[in-house]
C-alpha atoms as a PDB file:
ATOM      1  CA  MET A   1       3.020  29.470  24.151  1.00  0.00           C
ATOM      2  CA  ASP A   2       2.041  31.377  21.020  1.00  0.00           C
ATOM      3  CA  MET A   3      -1.440  30.187  20.029  1.00  0.00           C
ATOM      4  CA  GLN A   4      -1.190  31.785  16.576  1.00  0.00           C
ATOM      5  CA  ALA A   5       2.021  29.859  15.821  1.00  0.00           C
ATOM      6  CA  LEU A   6       0.463  26.668  17.122  1.00  0.00           C
ATOM      7  CA  LEU A   7      -2.589  27.169  14.923  1.00  0.00           C
ATOM      8  CA  GLN A   8      -0.384  27.852  11.918  1.00  0.00           C
ATOM      9  CA  GLN A   9       1.586  24.676  12.591  1.00  0.00           C
ATOM     10  CA  ALA A  10      -1.644  22.652  12.826  1.00  0.00           C
ATOM     11  CA  GLN A  11      -2.855  24.105   9.515  1.00  0.00           C
ATOM     12  CA  GLN A  12       0.461  23.242   7.862  1.00  0.00           C
ATOM     13  CA  MET A  13       0.256  19.667   9.155  1.00  0.00           C
ATOM     14  CA  GLN A  14      -3.318  19.397   7.862  1.00  0.00           C
ATOM     15  CA  GLN A  15      -2.196  20.590   4.407  1.00  0.00           C
ATOM     16  CA  GLN A  16       0.688  18.134   4.417  1.00  0.00           C
ATOM     17  CA  LEU A  17      -1.731  15.350   5.359  1.00  0.00           C
ATOM     18  CA  VAL A  18      -4.048  16.263   2.466  1.00  0.00           C
ATOM     19  CA  GLU A  19      -1.069  16.306   0.071  1.00  0.00           C
ATOM     20  CA  ALA A  20       0.168  12.925   1.324  1.00  0.00           C
ATOM     21  CA  GLN A  21      -3.304  11.431   0.925  1.00  0.00           C
ATOM     22  CA  GLN A  22      -3.545  12.806  -2.639  1.00  0.00           C
ATOM     23  CA  ALA A  23      -0.160  11.301  -3.462  1.00  0.00           C
ATOM     24  CA  LEU A  24      -1.379   7.907  -2.187  1.00  0.00           C
ATOM     25  CA  ASP A  25      -4.595   8.235  -4.218  1.00  0.00           C
ATOM     26  CA  GLU A  26      -2.542   8.808  -7.386  1.00  0.00           C
ATOM     27  CA  ALA A  27       0.129   6.181  -6.693  1.00  0.00           C
ATOM     28  CA  GLU A  28       0.158   2.595  -7.966  1.00  0.00           C
ATOM     29  CA  VAL A  29       2.443  -0.279  -7.028  1.00  0.00           C
ATOM     30  CA  GLU A  30       2.998  -3.638  -8.685  1.00  0.00           C
ATOM     31  CA  GLY A  31       3.652  -6.882  -6.901  1.00  0.00           C
ATOM     32  CA  THR A  32       4.967  -9.935  -8.706  1.00  0.00           C
ATOM     33  CA  SER A  33       5.549 -13.604  -8.072  1.00  0.00           C
ATOM     34  CA  GLY A  34       6.822 -16.612  -9.969  1.00  0.00           C
ATOM     35  CA  GLY A  35       9.481 -14.540 -11.664  1.00  0.00           C
ATOM     36  CA  GLY A  36       6.831 -12.283 -13.185  1.00  0.00           C
ATOM     37  CA  LEU A  37       4.301 -14.972 -14.057  1.00  0.00           C
ATOM     38  CA  VAL A  38       1.733 -13.166 -11.909  1.00  0.00           C
ATOM     39  CA  LYS A  39       1.495  -9.398 -11.505  1.00  0.00           C
ATOM     40  CA  VAL A  40      -0.867  -7.518  -9.213  1.00  0.00           C
ATOM     41  CA  ARG A  41      -1.366  -3.752  -9.393  1.00  0.00           C
ATOM     42  CA  LEU A  42      -2.623  -1.939  -6.263  1.00  0.00           C
ATOM     43  CA  SER A  43      -3.498   1.667  -5.643  1.00  0.00           C
ATOM     44  CA  GLY A  44      -1.508   3.580  -3.050  1.00  0.00           C
ATOM     45  CA  ARG A  45      -4.416   2.978  -0.689  1.00  0.00           C
ATOM     46  CA  GLY A  46      -4.132  -0.826  -1.124  1.00  0.00           C
ATOM     47  CA  GLN A  47      -7.078  -1.377  -3.493  1.00  0.00           C
ATOM     48  CA  VAL A  48      -6.494  -4.153  -6.078  1.00  0.00           C
ATOM     49  CA  GLU A  49      -6.664  -2.537  -9.504  1.00  0.00           C
ATOM     50  CA  ASP A  50      -5.521  -5.349 -11.808  1.00  0.00           C
ATOM     51  CA  ILE A  51      -4.249  -8.941 -11.804  1.00  0.00           C
ATOM     52  CA  THR A  52      -2.345 -10.414 -14.733  1.00  0.00           C
ATOM     53  CA  VAL A  53      -1.550 -14.127 -15.000  1.00  0.00           C
ATOM     54  CA  SER A  54       0.828 -15.297 -17.734  1.00  0.00           C
ATOM     55  CA  ALA A  55      -0.274 -18.298 -19.756  1.00  0.00           C
ATOM     56  CA  ASP A  56       3.098 -19.822 -18.820  1.00  0.00           C
ATOM     57  CA  ALA A  57       1.809 -20.186 -15.251  1.00  0.00           C
ATOM     58  CA  ILE A  58      -0.773 -22.732 -16.386  1.00  0.00           C
ATOM     59  CA  ASP A  59       0.084 -26.391 -16.801  1.00  0.00           C
ATOM     60  CA  THR A  60      -2.660 -27.916 -18.937  1.00  0.00           C
ATOM     61  CA  SER A  61      -1.552 -31.474 -18.137  1.00  0.00           C
ATOM     62  CA  ASP A  62      -2.635 -31.161 -14.471  1.00  0.00           C
ATOM     63  CA  ALA A  63      -5.534 -28.731 -14.045  1.00  0.00           C
ATOM     64  CA  ASP A  64      -5.877 -29.213 -10.251  1.00  0.00           C
ATOM     65  CA  GLU A  65      -2.199 -28.669  -9.562  1.00  0.00           C
ATOM     66  CA  SER A  66      -2.098 -25.747 -11.985  1.00  0.00           C
ATOM     67  CA  ALA A  67      -5.100 -24.091 -10.321  1.00  0.00           C
ATOM     68  CA  GLN A  68      -3.452 -24.357  -6.907  1.00  0.00           C
ATOM     69  CA  THR A  69      -0.159 -23.052  -8.252  1.00  0.00           C
ATOM     70  CA  VAL A  70      -1.847 -20.041  -9.851  1.00  0.00           C
ATOM     71  CA  ALA A  71      -3.785 -19.359  -6.633  1.00  0.00           C
ATOM     72  CA  ASP A  72      -0.519 -19.472  -4.642  1.00  0.00           C
ATOM     73  CA  LEU A  73       1.206 -17.174  -7.140  1.00  0.00           C
ATOM     74  CA  VAL A  74      -1.666 -14.675  -7.025  1.00  0.00           C
ATOM     75  CA  LEU A  75      -1.602 -14.644  -3.235  1.00  0.00           C
ATOM     76  CA  ALA A  76       2.170 -14.149  -3.200  1.00  0.00           C
ATOM     77  CA  ALA A  77       1.918 -11.274  -5.712  1.00  0.00           C
ATOM     78  CA  ILE A  78      -0.809  -9.605  -3.642  1.00  0.00           C
ATOM     79  CA  ARG A  79       1.324  -9.878  -0.520  1.00  0.00           C
ATOM     80  CA  ASP A  80       4.305  -8.423  -2.398  1.00  0.00           C
ATOM     81  CA  ALA A  81       2.196  -5.473  -3.577  1.00  0.00           C
ATOM     82  CA  GLU A  82       0.724  -4.952  -0.113  1.00  0.00           C
ATOM     83  CA  ALA A  83       4.226  -4.748   1.365  1.00  0.00           C
ATOM     84  CA  GLN A  84       5.090  -2.102  -1.223  1.00  0.00           C
ATOM     85  CA  VAL A  85       1.901  -0.166  -0.411  1.00  0.00           C
ATOM     86  CA  GLU A  86       2.808  -0.246   3.273  1.00  0.00           C
ATOM     87  CA  ARG A  87       6.287   1.097   2.515  1.00  0.00           C
ATOM     88  CA  LEU A  88       4.799   3.814   0.307  1.00  0.00           C
ATOM     89  CA  GLN A  89       2.290   4.795   2.994  1.00  0.00           C
ATOM     90  CA  GLN A  90       5.062   4.961   5.602  1.00  0.00           C
ATOM     91  CA  GLU A  91       7.117   7.114   3.222  1.00  0.00           C
ATOM     92  CA  LYS A  92       4.235   9.538   2.632  1.00  0.00           C
ATOM     93  CA  MET A  93       2.597   9.492   6.056  1.00  0.00           C
ATOM     94  CA  GLY A  94       5.540   8.671   8.341  1.00  0.00           C
ATOM     95  CA  PRO A  95       6.895  12.221   8.587  1.00  0.00           C
ATOM     96  CA  LEU A  96       3.430  13.379   9.622  1.00  0.00           C
ATOM     97  CA  THR A  97       3.166  10.798  12.393  1.00  0.00           C
ATOM     98  CA  GLN A  98       6.528  12.005  13.696  1.00  0.00           C
ATOM     99  CA  GLY A  99       4.921  15.441  14.017  1.00  0.00           C
ATOM    100  CA  LEU A 100       2.183  13.847  16.112  1.00  0.00           C
ATOM    101  CA  GLY A 101       4.642  12.589  18.689  1.00  0.00           C
ATOM    102  CA  GLY A 102       6.136   9.702  16.725  1.00  0.00           C
ATOM    103  CA  GLY A 103       3.875   6.942  17.889  1.00  0.00           C
ATOM    104  CA  GLY A 104       0.720   7.675  16.031  1.00  0.00           C
ATOM    105  CA  MET A 105      -2.614   7.265  17.746  1.00  0.00           C
ATOM    106  CA  PRO A 106      -3.567   4.468  20.125  1.00  0.00           C
ATOM    107  CA  GLY A 107      -5.784   1.925  18.458  1.00  0.00           C
ATOM    108  CA  GLY A 108      -4.718   3.141  15.039  1.00  0.00           C
ATOM    109  CA  MET A 109      -6.666   4.734  12.258  1.00  0.00           C
ATOM    110  CA  PRO A 110      -8.254   2.271   9.836  1.00  0.00           C
ATOM    111  CA  GLY A 111      -6.585   2.211   6.456  1.00  0.00           C
ATOM    112  CA  LEU A 112      -3.500   4.065   7.606  1.00  0.00           C
ATOM    113  CA  PRO A 113      -0.731   1.732   8.765  1.00  0.00           C
ATOM    114  CA  GLY A 114       1.382   3.305  11.462  1.00  0.00           C
ATOM    115  CA  PHE A 115      -1.494   5.398  12.803  1.00  0.00           C
END
């Protein structure tokens, strides 16, 4: 086993990991619900950046029902965006986990799905 080659490979993987993390830091995804009545923007790391609720989502004739509907739409949009973040993270980080033996690490790494 060539230790120099192994060290070089580890350094390349570390650089690829840094690049993947930077790409996630710069990425944004948008989740929607209610046909676009609610939009949620998340960072590539899953942090909520913005929530937009269309006035059309609000029924002024029934405030209680409208409040619950908006809450449900916001939750659905967040879940949609989270699913997109997970796909993005798998796209960016997945090839690196394959280099670690394919299964990631037991117990996982917080904040990194698939690890």
